[in-house]
Amino acid sequence: MSEDVEEPAKRCGVLYVVATPIGNLEDITYRAVRILRAVDLIAAEDTRHSRKLCVHFGISTPLTSCFSHNEAHKGEQLVQRLLRGEDIALISDAGTPAISDPGEVLVRKSIDAGIKVVPVPGASAVITALCVAGLPTDMFTFVGFVPAKRSQRGAFLQRWGGQDHTLVAYEAPHRLAACLEDICTLLGEERELVVARELTKVHEELFRGNARAALEHFSAQRIKGEVVLLLGAQPPQEVEESVAETIMRLLQSSDTSLRQISKQVAQLHPVSASEAYALALKMRQEVE
């Protein structure tokens, strides 16, 4: 080869982030099976668990472990293999990798190394639970796992429980009753919620009701399986003072302009800012 002719650049491999079933094996996609068969290596959260999936679908691709405790070190090794041109599929035990599961570190390392990262979408417990919960889905917040320690769980619920939209979290089955008890105490027994358990599996359960009813239901049995907890929005707080009382309080407590006062009043009461402004102007004139 002539010295002035450059060799073609070596192709970097591709990291495929592949979703796998959360329970029912029929929920895997045709594309996911094809990718898992075609790549050079599958990086799995638990190779023993994933080997059963591979056997079921006739996938003979080699497996290597990539889980939370080895992901930082193992990620470096996998990135080097990707840079050498190998294609790798990343999977977790169930659902979509990196969503409260290992994978985030490897994805970030791959992106930083200039490696192409391709999503192969499929099952996700969050979306699966949301679409059948019956709670508003136009806006929601996913907050991962509820903290295990009671003090941290209390702070967590107080921080996130006041949202004006649906809240989605994962909870361990053996802590579900304690979590529901804290919800009753901190957020109110009438708080609307849904508990989705064992989604897509034989013993799938969807409990819809309030926090007190959920606590009574799940305290009476031993809970097994994966749990998704969905909280309805915090109900609107009852206004304890009238529009006039609010305006008077704001007039007396600060030098805030009438325009700012009217905006605050409109946020607290079912009146427009212009109506609040007119009343505030009249009340100030009467006081003066």
C-alpha atoms as a PDB file:
ATOM      1  CA  MET A   1       0.000   0.000   0.000  1.00  0.00           C
ATOM      2  CA  SER A   2       1.327   3.446  -0.897  1.00  0.00           C
ATOM      3  CA  GLU A   3       2.441   5.539   2.081  1.00  0.00           C
ATOM      4  CA  ASP A   4       0.196   8.451   1.062  1.00  0.00           C
ATOM      5  CA  VAL A   5      -2.955   6.335   1.169  1.00  0.00           C
ATOM      6  CA  GLU A   6      -4.651   6.316   4.569  1.00  0.00           C
ATOM      7  CA  GLU A   7      -6.002   3.101   6.007  1.00  0.00           C
ATOM      8  CA  PRO A   8      -9.769   3.143   6.563  1.00  0.00           C
ATOM      9  CA  ALA A   9     -10.706   4.079  10.141  1.00  0.00           C
ATOM     10  CA  LYS A  10     -11.712   1.162  12.297  1.00  0.00           C
ATOM     11  CA  ARG A  11     -15.420   1.009  13.038  1.00  0.00           C
ATOM     12  CA  CYS A  12     -16.389   1.479  16.659  1.00  0.00           C
ATOM     13  CA  GLY A  13     -18.933  -0.930  17.998  1.00  0.00           C
ATOM     14  CA  VAL A  14     -22.467   0.035  18.980  1.00  0.00           C
ATOM     15  CA  LEU A  15     -23.936  -0.146  22.467  1.00  0.00           C
ATOM     16  CA  TYR A  16     -27.563  -1.302  22.282  1.00  0.00           C
ATOM     17  CA  VAL A  17     -29.677  -0.561  25.370  1.00  0.00           C
ATOM     18  CA  VAL A  18     -32.224  -3.355  25.161  1.00  0.00           C
ATOM     19  CA  ALA A  19     -35.443  -3.573  27.170  1.00  0.00           C
ATOM     20  CA  THR A  20     -36.482  -7.048  28.289  1.00  0.00           C
ATOM     21  CA  PRO A  21     -39.818  -8.297  29.712  1.00  0.00           C
ATOM     22  CA  ILE A  22     -40.821  -7.317  33.254  1.00  0.00           C
ATOM     23  CA  GLY A  23     -42.613 -10.633  33.671  1.00  0.00           C
ATOM     24  CA  ASN A  24     -44.336 -12.184  30.698  1.00  0.00           C
ATOM     25  CA  LEU A  25     -41.681 -13.355  28.235  1.00  0.00           C
ATOM     26  CA  GLU A  26     -44.037 -12.728  25.314  1.00  0.00           C
ATOM     27  CA  ASP A  27     -43.539  -8.995  25.861  1.00  0.00           C
ATOM     28  CA  ILE A  28     -40.059  -9.008  24.301  1.00  0.00           C
ATOM     29  CA  THR A  29     -39.890  -7.420  20.854  1.00  0.00           C
ATOM     30  CA  TYR A  30     -38.789  -9.095  17.627  1.00  0.00           C
ATOM     31  CA  ARG A  31     -36.100  -6.448  17.318  1.00  0.00           C
ATOM     32  CA  ALA A  32     -34.758  -7.118  20.811  1.00  0.00           C
ATOM     33  CA  VAL A  33     -34.369 -10.835  20.069  1.00  0.00           C
ATOM     34  CA  ARG A  34     -32.653 -10.071  16.770  1.00  0.00           C
ATOM     35  CA  ILE A  35     -30.211  -7.643  18.384  1.00  0.00           C
ATOM     36  CA  LEU A  36     -29.406 -10.003  21.254  1.00  0.00           C
ATOM     37  CA  ARG A  37     -28.596 -12.730  18.749  1.00  0.00           C
ATOM     38  CA  ALA A  38     -26.489 -10.485  16.529  1.00  0.00           C
ATOM     39  CA  VAL A  39     -24.230  -8.638  18.997  1.00  0.00           C
ATOM     40  CA  ASP A  40     -20.836  -9.909  20.108  1.00  0.00           C
ATOM     41  CA  LEU A  41     -21.598  -9.694  23.815  1.00  0.00           C
ATOM     42  CA  ILE A  42     -24.510  -9.189  26.198  1.00  0.00           C
ATOM     43  CA  ALA A  43     -23.801  -7.171  29.359  1.00  0.00           C
ATOM     44  CA  ALA A  44     -26.372  -8.371  31.884  1.00  0.00           C
ATOM     45  CA  GLU A  45     -27.274  -7.340  35.426  1.00  0.00           C
ATOM     46  CA  ASP A  46     -27.400 -10.986  36.506  1.00  0.00           C
ATOM     47  CA  THR A  47     -26.070 -13.522  34.006  1.00  0.00           C
ATOM     48  CA  ARG A  48     -27.890 -16.392  35.726  1.00  0.00           C
ATOM     49  CA  HIS A  49     -31.223 -14.649  35.332  1.00  0.00           C
ATOM     50  CA  SER A  50     -30.561 -13.509  31.766  1.00  0.00           C
ATOM     51  CA  ARG A  51     -29.302 -16.917  30.681  1.00  0.00           C
ATOM     52  CA  LYS A  52     -32.833 -18.266  31.188  1.00  0.00           C
ATOM     53  CA  LEU A  53     -34.145 -15.575  28.847  1.00  0.00           C
ATOM     54  CA  CYS A  54     -31.493 -16.403  26.258  1.00  0.00           C
ATOM     55  CA  VAL A  55     -32.205 -20.127  26.423  1.00  0.00           C
ATOM     56  CA  HIS A  56     -35.931 -19.503  25.974  1.00  0.00           C
ATOM     57  CA  PHE A  57     -35.350 -17.523  22.765  1.00  0.00           C
ATOM     58  CA  GLY A  58     -32.419 -19.542  21.440  1.00  0.00           C
ATOM     59  CA  ILE A  59     -29.857 -16.779  21.959  1.00  0.00           C
ATOM     60  CA  SER A  60     -26.309 -18.130  22.165  1.00  0.00           C
ATOM     61  CA  THR A  61     -24.463 -14.798  22.520  1.00  0.00           C
ATOM     62  CA  PRO A  62     -21.866 -14.762  25.352  1.00  0.00           C
ATOM     63  CA  LEU A  63     -22.926 -13.053  28.576  1.00  0.00           C
ATOM     64  CA  THR A  64     -20.929 -10.925  31.001  1.00  0.00           C
ATOM     65  CA  SER A  65     -22.063  -9.332  34.244  1.00  0.00           C
ATOM     66  CA  CYS A  66     -22.536  -5.580  34.592  1.00  0.00           C
ATOM     67  CA  PHE A  67     -24.310  -4.640  37.811  1.00  0.00           C
ATOM     68  CA  SER A  68     -24.292  -1.781  40.286  1.00  0.00           C
ATOM     69  CA  HIS A  69     -21.225  -2.905  42.271  1.00  0.00           C
ATOM     70  CA  ASN A  70     -18.937  -3.553  39.302  1.00  0.00           C
ATOM     71  CA  GLU A  71     -20.338  -1.171  36.689  1.00  0.00           C
ATOM     72  CA  ALA A  72     -17.672   1.524  37.099  1.00  0.00           C
ATOM     73  CA  HIS A  73     -14.772  -0.918  36.588  1.00  0.00           C
ATOM     74  CA  LYS A  74     -16.557  -3.207  34.157  1.00  0.00           C
ATOM     75  CA  GLY A  75     -17.759  -0.235  32.157  1.00  0.00           C
ATOM     76  CA  GLU A  76     -14.168   0.676  31.288  1.00  0.00           C
ATOM     77  CA  GLN A  77     -13.546  -2.824  29.961  1.00  0.00           C
ATOM     78  CA  LEU A  78     -16.731  -2.812  27.912  1.00  0.00           C
ATOM     79  CA  VAL A  79     -15.944   0.594  26.432  1.00  0.00           C
ATOM     80  CA  GLN A  80     -12.547  -0.723  25.281  1.00  0.00           C
ATOM     81  CA  ARG A  81     -14.270  -3.643  23.566  1.00  0.00           C
ATOM     82  CA  LEU A  82     -16.698  -1.268  21.903  1.00  0.00           C
ATOM     83  CA  LEU A  83     -13.798   0.878  20.692  1.00  0.00           C
ATOM     84  CA  ARG A  84     -12.262  -2.238  19.171  1.00  0.00           C
ATOM     85  CA  GLY A  85     -15.384  -2.684  17.073  1.00  0.00           C
ATOM     86  CA  GLU A  86     -17.462  -5.136  19.088  1.00  0.00           C
ATOM     87  CA  ASP A  87     -21.215  -4.595  19.380  1.00  0.00           C
ATOM     88  CA  ILE A  88     -22.618  -4.985  22.894  1.00  0.00           C
ATOM     89  CA  ALA A  89     -26.199  -5.238  24.164  1.00  0.00           C
ATOM     90  CA  LEU A  90     -26.922  -3.932  27.654  1.00  0.00           C
ATOM     91  CA  ILE A  91     -29.819  -5.550  29.521  1.00  0.00           C
ATOM     92  CA  SER A  92     -31.091  -5.572  33.097  1.00  0.00           C
ATOM     93  CA  ASP A  93     -32.966  -8.331  34.900  1.00  0.00           C
ATOM     94  CA  ALA A  94     -36.287  -6.870  33.776  1.00  0.00           C
ATOM     95  CA  GLY A  95     -37.516  -3.816  31.935  1.00  0.00           C
ATOM     96  CA  THR A  96     -35.438  -0.971  30.556  1.00  0.00           C
ATOM     97  CA  PRO A  97     -31.785  -0.656  31.651  1.00  0.00           C
ATOM     98  CA  ALA A  98     -30.656   2.507  33.483  1.00  0.00           C
ATOM     99  CA  ILE A  99     -34.166   3.272  34.775  1.00  0.00           C
ATOM    100  CA  SER A 100     -33.578   2.593  38.487  1.00  0.00           C
ATOM    101  CA  ASP A 101     -31.419  -0.276  37.227  1.00  0.00           C
ATOM    102  CA  PRO A 102     -27.735  -0.611  36.300  1.00  0.00           C
ATOM    103  CA  GLY A 103     -26.671   0.846  32.972  1.00  0.00           C
ATOM    104  CA  GLU A 104     -26.457   4.594  33.466  1.00  0.00           C
ATOM    105  CA  VAL A 105     -22.689   4.484  34.088  1.00  0.00           C
ATOM    106  CA  LEU A 106     -21.942   2.384  31.002  1.00  0.00           C
ATOM    107  CA  VAL A 107     -24.156   4.566  28.818  1.00  0.00           C
ATOM    108  CA  ARG A 108     -22.379   7.724  30.010  1.00  0.00           C
ATOM    109  CA  LYS A 109     -18.907   6.221  29.531  1.00  0.00           C
ATOM    110  CA  SER A 110     -19.848   5.121  26.023  1.00  0.00           C
ATOM    111  CA  ILE A 111     -21.179   8.552  25.088  1.00  0.00           C
ATOM    112  CA  ASP A 112     -18.046  10.219  26.463  1.00  0.00           C
ATOM    113  CA  ALA A 113     -15.921   7.854  24.346  1.00  0.00           C
ATOM    114  CA  GLY A 114     -17.814   8.798  21.184  1.00  0.00           C
ATOM    115  CA  ILE A 115     -19.541   5.432  20.887  1.00  0.00           C
ATOM    116  CA  LYS A 116     -22.976   5.228  19.306  1.00  0.00           C
ATOM    117  CA  VAL A 117     -25.684   4.284  21.826  1.00  0.00           C
ATOM    118  CA  VAL A 118     -28.899   2.883  20.348  1.00  0.00           C
ATOM    119  CA  PRO A 119     -32.144   2.322  22.312  1.00  0.00           C
ATOM    120  CA  VAL A 120     -34.139  -0.836  21.688  1.00  0.00           C
ATOM    121  CA  PRO A 121     -37.362   0.045  23.539  1.00  0.00           C
ATOM    122  CA  GLY A 122     -39.767  -2.293  25.221  1.00  0.00           C
ATOM    123  CA  ALA A 123     -41.249  -2.963  28.638  1.00  0.00           C
ATOM    124  CA  SER A 124     -41.000  -0.494  31.512  1.00  0.00           C
ATOM    125  CA  ALA A 125     -42.783  -1.010  34.816  1.00  0.00           C
ATOM    126  CA  VAL A 126     -43.312   2.744  35.196  1.00  0.00           C
ATOM    127  CA  ILE A 127     -45.183   3.167  31.911  1.00  0.00           C
ATOM    128  CA  THR A 128     -46.979  -0.167  32.247  1.00  0.00           C
ATOM    129  CA  ALA A 129     -48.382   0.839  35.636  1.00  0.00           C
ATOM    130  CA  LEU A 130     -49.270   4.359  34.545  1.00  0.00           C
ATOM    131  CA  CYS A 131     -51.318   3.329  31.533  1.00  0.00           C
ATOM    132  CA  VAL A 132     -53.704   1.190  33.617  1.00  0.00           C
ATOM    133  CA  ALA A 133     -53.711   3.106  36.904  1.00  0.00           C
ATOM    134  CA  GLY A 134     -56.566   5.426  36.027  1.00  0.00           C
ATOM    135  CA  LEU A 135     -54.674   8.441  37.362  1.00  0.00           C
ATOM    136  CA  PRO A 136     -53.857  11.516  35.233  1.00  0.00           C
ATOM    137  CA  THR A 137     -50.954  10.817  32.878  1.00  0.00           C
ATOM    138  CA  ASP A 138     -50.543  14.179  31.115  1.00  0.00           C
ATOM    139  CA  MET A 139     -47.843  14.956  33.678  1.00  0.00           C
ATOM    140  CA  PHE A 140     -46.111  12.671  36.166  1.00  0.00           C
ATOM    141  CA  THR A 141     -42.913  12.446  38.205  1.00  0.00           C
ATOM    142  CA  PHE A 142     -40.937   9.232  38.592  1.00  0.00           C
ATOM    143  CA  VAL A 143     -38.838   9.242  41.763  1.00  0.00           C
ATOM    144  CA  GLY A 144     -37.236   5.787  41.745  1.00  0.00           C
ATOM    145  CA  PHE A 145     -37.236   3.657  44.884  1.00  0.00           C
ATOM    146  CA  VAL A 146     -38.787   4.894  48.124  1.00  0.00           C
ATOM    147  CA  PRO A 147     -36.017   5.101  50.784  1.00  0.00           C
ATOM    148  CA  ALA A 148     -35.766   2.077  53.061  1.00  0.00           C
ATOM    149  CA  LYS A 149     -35.198   3.904  56.368  1.00  0.00           C
ATOM    150  CA  ARG A 150     -38.297   5.351  57.986  1.00  0.00           C
ATOM    151  CA  SER A 151     -36.806   8.778  58.712  1.00  0.00           C
ATOM    152  CA  GLN A 152     -35.630   9.136  55.125  1.00  0.00           C
ATOM    153  CA  ARG A 153     -38.941   7.807  53.829  1.00  0.00           C
ATOM    154  CA  GLY A 154     -40.810  10.458  55.823  1.00  0.00           C
ATOM    155  CA  ALA A 155     -38.680  13.250  54.388  1.00  0.00           C
ATOM    156  CA  PHE A 156     -39.095  11.741  50.926  1.00  0.00           C
ATOM    157  CA  LEU A 157     -42.899  11.669  51.184  1.00  0.00           C
ATOM    158  CA  GLN A 158     -43.073  15.205  52.524  1.00  0.00           C
ATOM    159  CA  ARG A 159     -40.837  16.430  49.712  1.00  0.00           C
ATOM    160  CA  TRP A 160     -42.676  14.717  46.859  1.00  0.00           C
ATOM    161  CA  GLY A 161     -46.164  14.215  48.272  1.00  0.00           C
ATOM    162  CA  GLY A 162     -47.316  17.750  47.594  1.00  0.00           C
ATOM    163  CA  GLN A 163     -47.108  17.486  43.815  1.00  0.00           C
ATOM    164  CA  ASP A 164     -50.089  18.607  41.743  1.00  0.00           C
ATOM    165  CA  HIS A 165     -49.659  15.634  39.390  1.00  0.00           C
ATOM    166  CA  THR A 166     -49.211  11.866  39.561  1.00  0.00           C
ATOM    167  CA  LEU A 167     -46.183  10.534  41.430  1.00  0.00           C
ATOM    168  CA  VAL A 168     -44.671   7.138  40.533  1.00  0.00           C
ATOM    169  CA  ALA A 169     -42.223   5.181  42.695  1.00  0.00           C
ATOM    170  CA  TYR A 170     -40.880   1.683  43.197  1.00  0.00           C
ATOM    171  CA  GLU A 171     -41.274   0.010  46.581  1.00  0.00           C
ATOM    172  CA  ALA A 172     -39.987  -3.252  48.004  1.00  0.00           C
ATOM    173  CA  PRO A 173     -42.802  -5.703  48.855  1.00  0.00           C
ATOM    174  CA  HIS A 174     -41.686  -6.203  52.470  1.00  0.00           C
ATOM    175  CA  ARG A 175     -41.754  -2.416  53.076  1.00  0.00           C
ATOM    176  CA  LEU A 176     -45.049  -1.652  51.335  1.00  0.00           C
ATOM    177  CA  ALA A 177     -47.232  -1.723  54.470  1.00  0.00           C
ATOM    178  CA  ALA A 178     -44.858   0.574  56.370  1.00  0.00           C
ATOM    179  CA  CYS A 179     -44.795   2.979  53.437  1.00  0.00           C
ATOM    180  CA  LEU A 180     -48.586   3.034  53.223  1.00  0.00           C
ATOM    181  CA  GLU A 181     -48.784   3.702  56.959  1.00  0.00           C
ATOM    182  CA  ASP A 182     -46.474   6.700  56.552  1.00  0.00           C
ATOM    183  CA  ILE A 183     -48.566   7.957  53.635  1.00  0.00           C
ATOM    184  CA  CYS A 184     -51.672   7.817  55.828  1.00  0.00           C
ATOM    185  CA  THR A 185     -49.891   9.753  58.569  1.00  0.00           C
ATOM    186  CA  LEU A 186     -48.097  12.345  56.461  1.00  0.00           C
ATOM    187  CA  LEU A 187     -50.283  12.771  53.393  1.00  0.00           C
ATOM    188  CA  GLY A 188     -53.694  11.764  54.677  1.00  0.00           C
ATOM    189  CA  GLU A 189     -55.748   8.567  54.780  1.00  0.00           C
ATOM    190  CA  GLU A 190     -57.924   9.723  51.876  1.00  0.00           C
ATOM    191  CA  ARG A 191     -55.001  10.229  49.499  1.00  0.00           C
ATOM    192  CA  GLU A 192     -55.807   8.505  46.213  1.00  0.00           C
ATOM    193  CA  LEU A 193     -53.276   5.908  45.134  1.00  0.00           C
ATOM    194  CA  VAL A 194     -52.712   2.793  43.068  1.00  0.00           C
ATOM    195  CA  VAL A 195     -50.528  -0.190  43.923  1.00  0.00           C
ATOM    196  CA  ALA A 196     -49.466  -2.235  40.902  1.00  0.00           C
ATOM    197  CA  ARG A 197     -47.934  -5.578  41.826  1.00  0.00           C
ATOM    198  CA  GLU A 198     -46.487  -8.401  39.714  1.00  0.00           C
ATOM    199  CA  LEU A 199     -47.309  -6.610  36.466  1.00  0.00           C
ATOM    200  CA  THR A 200     -47.728  -8.917  33.418  1.00  0.00           C
ATOM    201  CA  LYS A 201     -47.285 -11.988  35.623  1.00  0.00           C
ATOM    202  CA  VAL A 202     -49.769 -14.680  36.667  1.00  0.00           C
ATOM    203  CA  HIS A 203     -50.567 -13.014  40.003  1.00  0.00           C
ATOM    204  CA  GLU A 204     -50.819  -9.466  38.655  1.00  0.00           C
ATOM    205  CA  GLU A 205     -52.707  -7.159  41.022  1.00  0.00           C
ATOM    206  CA  LEU A 206     -53.896  -3.589  40.621  1.00  0.00           C
ATOM    207  CA  PHE A 207     -55.263  -2.000  43.776  1.00  0.00           C
ATOM    208  CA  ARG A 208     -57.051   1.327  43.318  1.00  0.00           C
ATOM    209  CA  GLY A 209     -58.360   3.271  46.285  1.00  0.00           C
ATOM    210  CA  ASN A 210     -57.215   5.537  49.100  1.00  0.00           C
ATOM    211  CA  ALA A 211     -54.241   5.141  51.432  1.00  0.00           C
ATOM    212  CA  ARG A 212     -56.269   3.752  54.356  1.00  0.00           C
ATOM    213  CA  ALA A 213     -57.962   1.088  52.248  1.00  0.00           C
ATOM    214  CA  ALA A 214     -54.627   0.128  50.697  1.00  0.00           C
ATOM    215  CA  LEU A 215     -53.002  -0.202  54.113  1.00  0.00           C
ATOM    216  CA  GLU A 216     -55.809  -2.459  55.363  1.00  0.00           C
ATOM    217  CA  HIS A 217     -55.642  -4.577  52.204  1.00  0.00           C
ATOM    218  CA  PHE A 218     -51.899  -5.106  52.098  1.00  0.00           C
ATOM    219  CA  SER A 219     -51.419  -5.442  55.863  1.00  0.00           C
ATOM    220  CA  ALA A 220     -53.633  -8.526  55.817  1.00  0.00           C
ATOM    221  CA  GLN A 221     -51.315 -10.561  53.582  1.00  0.00           C
ATOM    222  CA  ARG A 222     -47.701 -11.289  52.847  1.00  0.00           C
ATOM    223  CA  ILE A 223     -46.697  -9.210  49.844  1.00  0.00           C
ATOM    224  CA  LYS A 224     -44.579 -10.768  47.121  1.00  0.00           C
ATOM    225  CA  GLY A 225     -43.249  -9.511  43.812  1.00  0.00           C
ATOM    226  CA  GLU A 226     -42.267  -6.175  42.339  1.00  0.00           C
ATOM    227  CA  VAL A 227     -44.362  -3.169  43.369  1.00  0.00           C
ATOM    228  CA  VAL A 228     -45.067   0.127  41.610  1.00  0.00           C
ATOM    229  CA  LEU A 229     -46.696   2.756  43.829  1.00  0.00           C
ATOM    230  CA  LEU A 230     -48.619   5.617  42.222  1.00  0.00           C
ATOM    231  CA  LEU A 231     -49.885   8.598  44.206  1.00  0.00           C
ATOM    232  CA  GLY A 232     -52.603  10.851  42.934  1.00  0.00           C
ATOM    233  CA  ALA A 233     -52.097  14.606  43.023  1.00  0.00           C
ATOM    234  CA  GLN A 234     -52.451  16.401  46.327  1.00  0.00           C
ATOM    235  CA  PRO A 235     -56.064  17.602  46.603  1.00  0.00           C
ATOM    236  CA  PRO A 236     -56.541  21.390  46.517  1.00  0.00           C
ATOM    237  CA  GLN A 237     -56.263  22.840  49.994  1.00  0.00           C
ATOM    238  CA  GLU A 238     -59.390  24.450  51.378  1.00  0.00           C
ATOM    239  CA  VAL A 239     -59.100  28.213  51.677  1.00  0.00           C
ATOM    240  CA  GLU A 240     -59.619  29.230  55.303  1.00  0.00           C
ATOM    241  CA  GLU A 241     -59.937  32.981  54.735  1.00  0.00           C
ATOM    242  CA  SER A 242     -62.053  35.022  52.380  1.00  0.00           C
ATOM    243  CA  VAL A 243     -60.767  37.079  49.461  1.00  0.00           C
ATOM    244  CA  ALA A 244     -61.212  40.274  51.468  1.00  0.00           C
ATOM    245  CA  GLU A 245     -59.404  38.814  54.477  1.00  0.00           C
ATOM    246  CA  THR A 246     -56.480  37.756  52.330  1.00  0.00           C
ATOM    247  CA  ILE A 247     -56.244  41.198  50.740  1.00  0.00           C
ATOM    248  CA  MET A 248     -56.389  42.901  54.118  1.00  0.00           C
ATOM    249  CA  ARG A 249     -53.680  40.624  55.527  1.00  0.00           C
ATOM    250  CA  LEU A 250     -51.393  41.359  52.593  1.00  0.00           C
ATOM    251  CA  LEU A 251     -52.076  45.089  52.781  1.00  0.00           C
ATOM    252  CA  GLN A 252     -51.203  45.188  56.469  1.00  0.00           C
ATOM    253  CA  SER A 253     -48.201  42.863  56.415  1.00  0.00           C
ATOM    254  CA  SER A 254     -46.107  44.341  53.618  1.00  0.00           C
ATOM    255  CA  ASP A 255     -45.415  47.222  51.274  1.00  0.00           C
ATOM    256  CA  THR A 256     -46.177  44.994  48.294  1.00  0.00           C
ATOM    257  CA  SER A 257     -47.771  46.754  45.336  1.00  0.00           C
ATOM    258  CA  LEU A 258     -51.445  46.253  44.599  1.00  0.00           C
ATOM    259  CA  ARG A 259     -50.560  44.510  41.355  1.00  0.00           C
ATOM    260  CA  GLN A 260     -48.427  41.947  43.195  1.00  0.00           C
ATOM    261  CA  ILE A 261     -51.092  41.501  45.861  1.00  0.00           C
ATOM    262  CA  SER A 262     -53.743  40.878  43.208  1.00  0.00           C
ATOM    263  CA  LYS A 263     -51.588  38.157  41.627  1.00  0.00           C
ATOM    264  CA  GLN A 264     -51.088  36.432  44.986  1.00  0.00           C
ATOM    265  CA  VAL A 265     -54.808  36.583  45.746  1.00  0.00           C
ATOM    266  CA  ALA A 266     -55.664  35.106  42.341  1.00  0.00           C
ATOM    267  CA  GLN A 267     -53.408  32.137  43.116  1.00  0.00           C
ATOM    268  CA  LEU A 268     -55.164  31.504  46.438  1.00  0.00           C
ATOM    269  CA  HIS A 269     -58.778  32.157  45.475  1.00  0.00           C
ATOM    270  CA  PRO A 270     -61.054  31.493  42.481  1.00  0.00           C
ATOM    271  CA  VAL A 271     -60.941  35.130  41.329  1.00  0.00           C
ATOM    272  CA  SER A 272     -59.069  36.824  38.518  1.00  0.00           C
ATOM    273  CA  ALA A 273     -56.138  39.147  39.167  1.00  0.00           C
ATOM    274  CA  SER A 274     -58.159  42.102  37.796  1.00  0.00           C
ATOM    275  CA  GLU A 275     -61.031  41.406  40.203  1.00  0.00           C
ATOM    276  CA  ALA A 276     -58.602  41.110  43.099  1.00  0.00           C
ATOM    277  CA  TYR A 277     -56.905  44.368  42.057  1.00  0.00           C
ATOM    278  CA  ALA A 278     -60.187  46.271  41.968  1.00  0.00           C
ATOM    279  CA  LEU A 279     -61.172  45.039  45.410  1.00  0.00           C
ATOM    280  CA  ALA A 280     -57.695  45.696  46.852  1.00  0.00           C
ATOM    281  CA  LEU A 281     -57.758  49.257  45.480  1.00  0.00           C
ATOM    282  CA  LYS A 282     -61.172  49.899  47.022  1.00  0.00           C
ATOM    283  CA  MET A 283     -60.128  48.441  50.399  1.00  0.00           C
ATOM    284  CA  ARG A 284     -56.933  50.497  50.516  1.00  0.00           C
ATOM    285  CA  GLN A 285     -58.852  53.680  49.775  1.00  0.00           C
ATOM    286  CA  GLU A 286     -61.299  52.900  52.574  1.00  0.00           C
ATOM    287  CA  VAL A 287     -58.447  52.288  55.021  1.00  0.00           C
ATOM    288  CA  GLU A 288     -56.741  55.526  54.053  1.00  0.00           C
END
